[in-house]
Structure formats: structure tokens, C-alpha cells
């Protein structure tokens, strides 16, 4: 307790000394002009807050430092850097949450592999469903085209309704192909992601094991 009181006393003495020095006029100002020339003066120039300056006592000891004002460009750079730091911090916090969720949801590696396998099986079911619909549409198109061909062989005009049906089924087939390609690409992406997730899981388990 005595040490604390003594330190507090020293702080108070230093503060009083600094204030007294300023009040007594025993301080000088150290600053550089726009050309970079160093100055020691008893008073500050008008643009002191722009160029910055140091307050020094009679012993040449630094009492206070006032940094130069930031330019518009420097302010913008500082703003960009601050935004990047916030983004990096947010990413780190998100990754930490995801890591905790990954470990909590999968007590063992087997649990993780089983979860991943279930997700792949779900995607496979969706792909199979799309393929079934596609096959049905293709059979329907084959039937419609056959009917149109028979009419043409009989030198009969193809009804507008039949022509419209053929165009409609072809559009559905194209759309089904797009959905199928999207699902297959999603499966490949998921598979690659699962490999990365497994490696991440193993690294996390090893990390916590060493603690």
C-alpha cells in the first residue's frame, strides 16, 4: 500500500512539475517547417497544429508531442486500413465460431465423415431425381416428334398446338440439363470442401490435444 501511495505521489509531482514548467515559460518548442528545417522556439508558428511539434523542458526532455495533422489522402488511407483490420477481425471471429461448431457437432472424425457422406447421398438423390425427370421429358419429346413426323409423312400440316408442345418440352429439357449440371458441379464443390473440412478438423483436434 505504501508503494502505491509513493508512486501516486511521484505521478502527482511530475504532473505538477510539467504544469509549473509550462506556466513559468521554461519550455521550448521543437518543430520542422514545411521544408524540413528544424526549429527550437519559445512560441509556436500559426500552422503548428498542421505541421506538429514537440514540447521540451529546459533540460531538453520531451514533455509532450503533438503529431502533424493527417492529410486528406492519409485520412483516406487510415480509413481503408481500419476497414481492412475490422474485416480481418470479423473473418477471424467467424472462423473461430465455425471451428467451435465443427468440433461440437462432430466429437470424432467418424462423426464428421458420416455427416459428409449423408450430405453427398442427399445430393446424389437430387441428381437422380433430376435425371428421372429428364428421361421422362426426353421420352415425351420423342413421342411428340414422332407424331409430328407421321403428319409430315402423310403430307399433313403439324398443328400449332403440337408445335407449341414440342417447343415447351424442349425448353423444359434444357432447363433440366442446367439444373443437373448445377447439381453435379455442387457435388464436386462439396466433395472438395469436405476434404478441406476434414483437414481443418484434424488440425483443430491436434491443436486442442496439445493444450
Protein backbone atom coordinates (compact mmCIF):
# COMPACT_ATOMS: atom_id res chain seq x y z
CA UNK A 1 0.00 0.00 0.00
CA UNK A 2 2.92 2.33 0.83
CA UNK A 3 4.43 1.67 -2.62
CA UNK A 4 1.16 2.60 -4.31
CA UNK A 5 0.95 5.85 -2.36
CA UNK A 6 4.58 6.65 -3.20
CA UNK A 7 4.04 6.02 -6.92
CA UNK A 8 0.91 8.15 -6.90
CA UNK A 9 2.91 10.88 -5.17
CA UNK A 10 5.60 10.71 -7.87
CA UNK A 11 2.99 10.95 -10.64
CA UNK A 12 1.45 13.99 -9.00
CA UNK A 13 4.87 15.62 -8.58
CA UNK A 14 5.75 15.02 -12.25
CA UNK A 15 2.41 16.44 -13.39
CA UNK A 16 2.80 19.49 -11.17
CA UNK A 17 6.35 19.97 -12.42
CA UNK A 18 5.22 19.81 -16.04
CA UNK A 19 2.41 22.28 -15.45
CA UNK A 20 4.71 24.56 -13.49
CA UNK A 21 7.29 24.44 -16.24
CA UNK A 22 4.69 25.40 -18.82
CA UNK A 23 3.34 28.16 -16.60
CA UNK A 24 6.79 29.52 -15.89
CA UNK A 25 7.65 29.64 -19.55
CA UNK A 26 10.64 27.30 -19.12
CA UNK A 27 9.67 25.17 -22.07
CA UNK A 28 10.57 25.42 -25.72
CA UNK A 29 9.03 24.08 -28.86
CA UNK A 30 10.76 21.87 -31.34
CA UNK A 31 9.29 21.71 -34.83
CA UNK A 32 10.12 21.44 -38.51
CA UNK A 33 8.87 23.77 -41.18
CA UNK A 34 7.39 22.66 -44.49
CA UNK A 35 10.92 22.47 -45.95
CA UNK A 36 12.07 20.13 -43.22
CA UNK A 37 14.23 22.61 -41.33
CA UNK A 38 14.42 22.05 -37.57
CA UNK A 39 13.49 24.91 -35.20
CA UNK A 40 13.66 25.49 -31.44
CA UNK A 41 11.48 28.43 -30.44
CA UNK A 42 9.75 29.93 -27.40
CA UNK A 43 6.46 30.21 -29.30
CA UNK A 44 4.69 28.19 -31.95
CA UNK A 45 4.06 29.18 -35.55
CA UNK A 46 0.48 29.67 -36.73
CA UNK A 47 0.44 26.31 -38.53
CA UNK A 48 1.77 24.37 -35.53
CA UNK A 49 -1.26 22.08 -35.37
CA UNK A 50 -0.75 21.22 -39.02
CA UNK A 51 2.98 20.50 -39.01
CA UNK A 52 3.13 19.07 -35.46
CA UNK A 53 5.62 19.89 -32.74
CA UNK A 54 7.36 18.72 -29.54
CA UNK A 55 7.28 20.46 -26.19
CA UNK A 56 10.63 20.18 -24.38
CA UNK A 57 11.70 21.47 -20.97
CA UNK A 58 14.81 23.41 -20.06
CA UNK A 59 16.77 20.16 -19.78
CA UNK A 60 15.82 19.17 -23.31
CA UNK A 61 13.49 16.41 -22.13
CA UNK A 62 10.39 15.76 -24.17
CA UNK A 63 7.26 16.82 -22.26
CA UNK A 64 4.60 16.43 -24.93
CA UNK A 65 4.39 15.51 -28.59
CA UNK A 66 1.69 16.75 -30.95
CA UNK A 67 1.55 14.74 -34.15
CA UNK A 68 1.12 16.51 -37.51
CA UNK A 69 -2.40 16.71 -38.85
CA UNK A 70 -3.25 14.00 -41.38
CA UNK A 71 -3.70 14.98 -44.99
CA UNK A 72 -6.89 14.04 -46.83
CA UNK A 73 -5.00 11.23 -48.53
CA UNK A 74 -3.60 9.96 -45.23
CA UNK A 75 -7.07 10.07 -43.67
CA UNK A 76 -8.43 8.02 -46.55
CA UNK A 77 -5.58 5.52 -46.22
CA UNK A 78 -6.19 5.27 -42.48
CA UNK A 79 -9.88 4.69 -43.15
CA UNK A 80 -9.09 1.91 -45.63
CA UNK A 81 -6.62 0.29 -43.21
CA UNK A 82 -9.14 0.46 -40.38
CA UNK A 83 -11.80 -1.14 -42.58
CA UNK A 84 -9.37 -3.89 -43.58
CA UNK A 85 -8.50 -4.54 -39.93
CA UNK A 86 -12.18 -4.74 -38.99
CA UNK A 87 -12.83 -7.11 -41.87
CA UNK A 88 -9.88 -9.31 -40.88
CA UNK A 89 -11.06 -9.33 -37.26
CA UNK A 90 -14.59 -10.27 -38.34
CA UNK A 91 -13.21 -13.08 -40.51
CA UNK A 92 -11.11 -14.38 -37.63
CA UNK A 93 -14.08 -14.33 -35.26
CA UNK A 94 -16.29 -16.07 -37.83
CA UNK A 95 -13.65 -18.74 -38.41
CA UNK A 96 -13.33 -19.28 -34.66
CA UNK A 97 -17.10 -19.75 -34.33
CA UNK A 98 -17.16 -22.17 -37.26
CA UNK A 99 -14.28 -24.14 -35.76
CA UNK A 100 -16.08 -24.45 -32.44
CA UNK A 101 -19.28 -25.53 -34.19
CA UNK A 102 -17.35 -28.08 -36.24
CA UNK A 103 -15.81 -29.65 -33.15
CA UNK A 104 -19.04 -29.53 -31.14
CA UNK A 105 -21.10 -31.18 -33.90
CA UNK A 106 -18.51 -33.89 -34.54
CA UNK A 107 -16.98 -35.38 -31.39
CA UNK A 108 -14.97 -37.84 -33.52
CA UNK A 109 -13.62 -37.94 -37.06
CA UNK A 110 -16.01 -40.79 -37.82
CA UNK A 111 -18.92 -38.49 -36.96
CA UNK A 112 -17.67 -35.90 -39.42
CA UNK A 113 -17.16 -38.47 -42.19
CA UNK A 114 -20.64 -39.84 -41.59
CA UNK A 115 -22.17 -36.34 -41.79
CA UNK A 116 -20.30 -35.62 -45.01
CA UNK A 117 -21.40 -38.93 -46.51
CA UNK A 118 -25.03 -38.17 -45.69
CA UNK A 119 -24.77 -34.82 -47.46
CA UNK A 120 -23.27 -36.46 -50.55
CA UNK A 121 -26.04 -39.04 -50.56
CA UNK A 122 -28.60 -36.24 -50.38
CA UNK A 123 -27.03 -34.56 -53.41
CA UNK A 124 -26.97 -37.90 -55.24
CA UNK A 125 -30.70 -38.31 -54.58
CA UNK A 126 -31.36 -34.86 -56.02
CA UNK A 127 -29.27 -35.72 -59.09
CA UNK A 128 -31.10 -38.99 -59.56
CA UNK A 129 -34.46 -37.21 -59.28
CA UNK A 130 -33.40 -34.70 -61.93
CA UNK A 131 -32.21 -37.50 -64.20
CA UNK A 132 -35.55 -39.31 -63.81
CA UNK A 133 -37.49 -36.19 -64.78
CA UNK A 134 -35.12 -35.58 -67.69
CA UNK A 135 -35.61 -39.09 -69.02
CA UNK A 136 -39.39 -38.66 -68.81
CA UNK A 137 -39.21 -35.38 -70.72
CA UNK A 138 -37.00 -36.90 -73.38
CA UNK A 139 -39.45 -39.78 -73.89
CA UNK A 140 -42.25 -37.24 -74.13
CA UNK A 141 -40.31 -35.26 -76.71
CA UNK A 142 -39.59 -38.40 -78.71
CA UNK A 143 -43.30 -39.19 -78.78
CA UNK A 144 -44.25 -35.65 -79.86
CA UNK A 145 -41.62 -35.60 -82.56
CA UNK A 146 -42.84 -38.99 -83.79
CA UNK A 147 -46.38 -37.70 -84.09
CA UNK A 148 -45.19 -34.64 -85.98
CA UNK A 149 -43.12 -36.83 -88.33
CA UNK A 150 -46.10 -39.05 -89.09
CA UNK A 151 -48.18 -35.99 -90.02
CA UNK A 152 -45.42 -34.71 -92.28
CA UNK A 153 -45.09 -38.11 -93.99
CA UNK A 154 -48.83 -38.03 -94.58
CA UNK A 155 -48.41 -34.58 -96.15
CA UNK A 156 -50.46 -33.08 -93.32
CA UNK A 157 -49.55 -29.87 -91.56
CA UNK A 158 -48.36 -30.09 -87.98
CA UNK A 159 -50.91 -28.41 -85.70
CA UNK A 160 -49.79 -25.29 -83.89
CA UNK A 161 -50.67 -26.95 -80.58
CA UNK A 162 -48.31 -29.85 -81.29
CA UNK A 163 -45.57 -27.47 -82.37
CA UNK A 164 -46.04 -25.50 -79.16
CA UNK A 165 -45.90 -28.68 -77.07
CA UNK A 166 -42.64 -29.71 -78.74
CA UNK A 167 -41.10 -26.27 -78.04
CA UNK A 168 -42.34 -26.36 -74.44
CA UNK A 169 -40.87 -29.82 -73.77
CA UNK A 170 -37.56 -28.83 -75.36
CA UNK A 171 -37.41 -25.79 -73.08
CA UNK A 172 -38.06 -27.96 -70.05
CA UNK A 173 -35.35 -30.40 -71.14
CA UNK A 174 -32.83 -27.56 -71.49
CA UNK A 175 -33.78 -26.26 -68.06
CA UNK A 176 -33.47 -29.75 -66.58
CA UNK A 177 -29.99 -30.09 -68.08
CA UNK A 178 -29.00 -26.79 -66.45
CA UNK A 179 -30.29 -27.97 -63.07
CA UNK A 180 -28.49 -31.28 -63.44
CA UNK A 181 -25.18 -29.63 -64.36
CA UNK A 182 -25.59 -27.28 -61.41
CA UNK A 183 -26.17 -30.16 -59.00
CA UNK A 184 -23.20 -32.11 -60.37
CA UNK A 185 -20.98 -29.04 -60.03
CA UNK A 186 -22.33 -28.59 -56.49
CA UNK A 187 -21.43 -32.17 -55.66
CA UNK A 188 -17.87 -31.67 -56.90
CA UNK A 189 -17.56 -28.45 -54.94
CA UNK A 190 -18.98 -30.10 -51.82
CA UNK A 191 -16.57 -33.04 -52.17
CA UNK A 192 -13.59 -30.71 -52.42
CA UNK A 193 -14.92 -28.70 -49.49
CA UNK A 194 -15.28 -31.85 -47.41
CA UNK A 195 -11.61 -32.69 -47.99
CA UNK A 196 -10.62 -29.22 -46.77
CA UNK A 197 -13.04 -29.50 -43.85
CA UNK A 198 -11.57 -32.85 -42.83
CA UNK A 199 -8.04 -31.44 -42.88
CA UNK A 200 -9.21 -28.47 -40.84
CA UNK A 201 -10.93 -30.78 -38.36
CA UNK A 202 -7.79 -32.88 -37.92
CA UNK A 203 -5.66 -29.77 -37.39
CA UNK A 204 -8.08 -28.46 -34.77
CA UNK A 205 -8.19 -31.79 -32.94
CA UNK A 206 -4.39 -31.90 -32.90
CA UNK A 207 -4.25 -28.28 -31.71
CA UNK A 208 -6.58 -28.88 -28.76
CA UNK A 209 -4.90 -32.19 -27.96
CA UNK A 210 -1.58 -30.39 -27.41
CA UNK A 211 -3.10 -27.94 -24.93
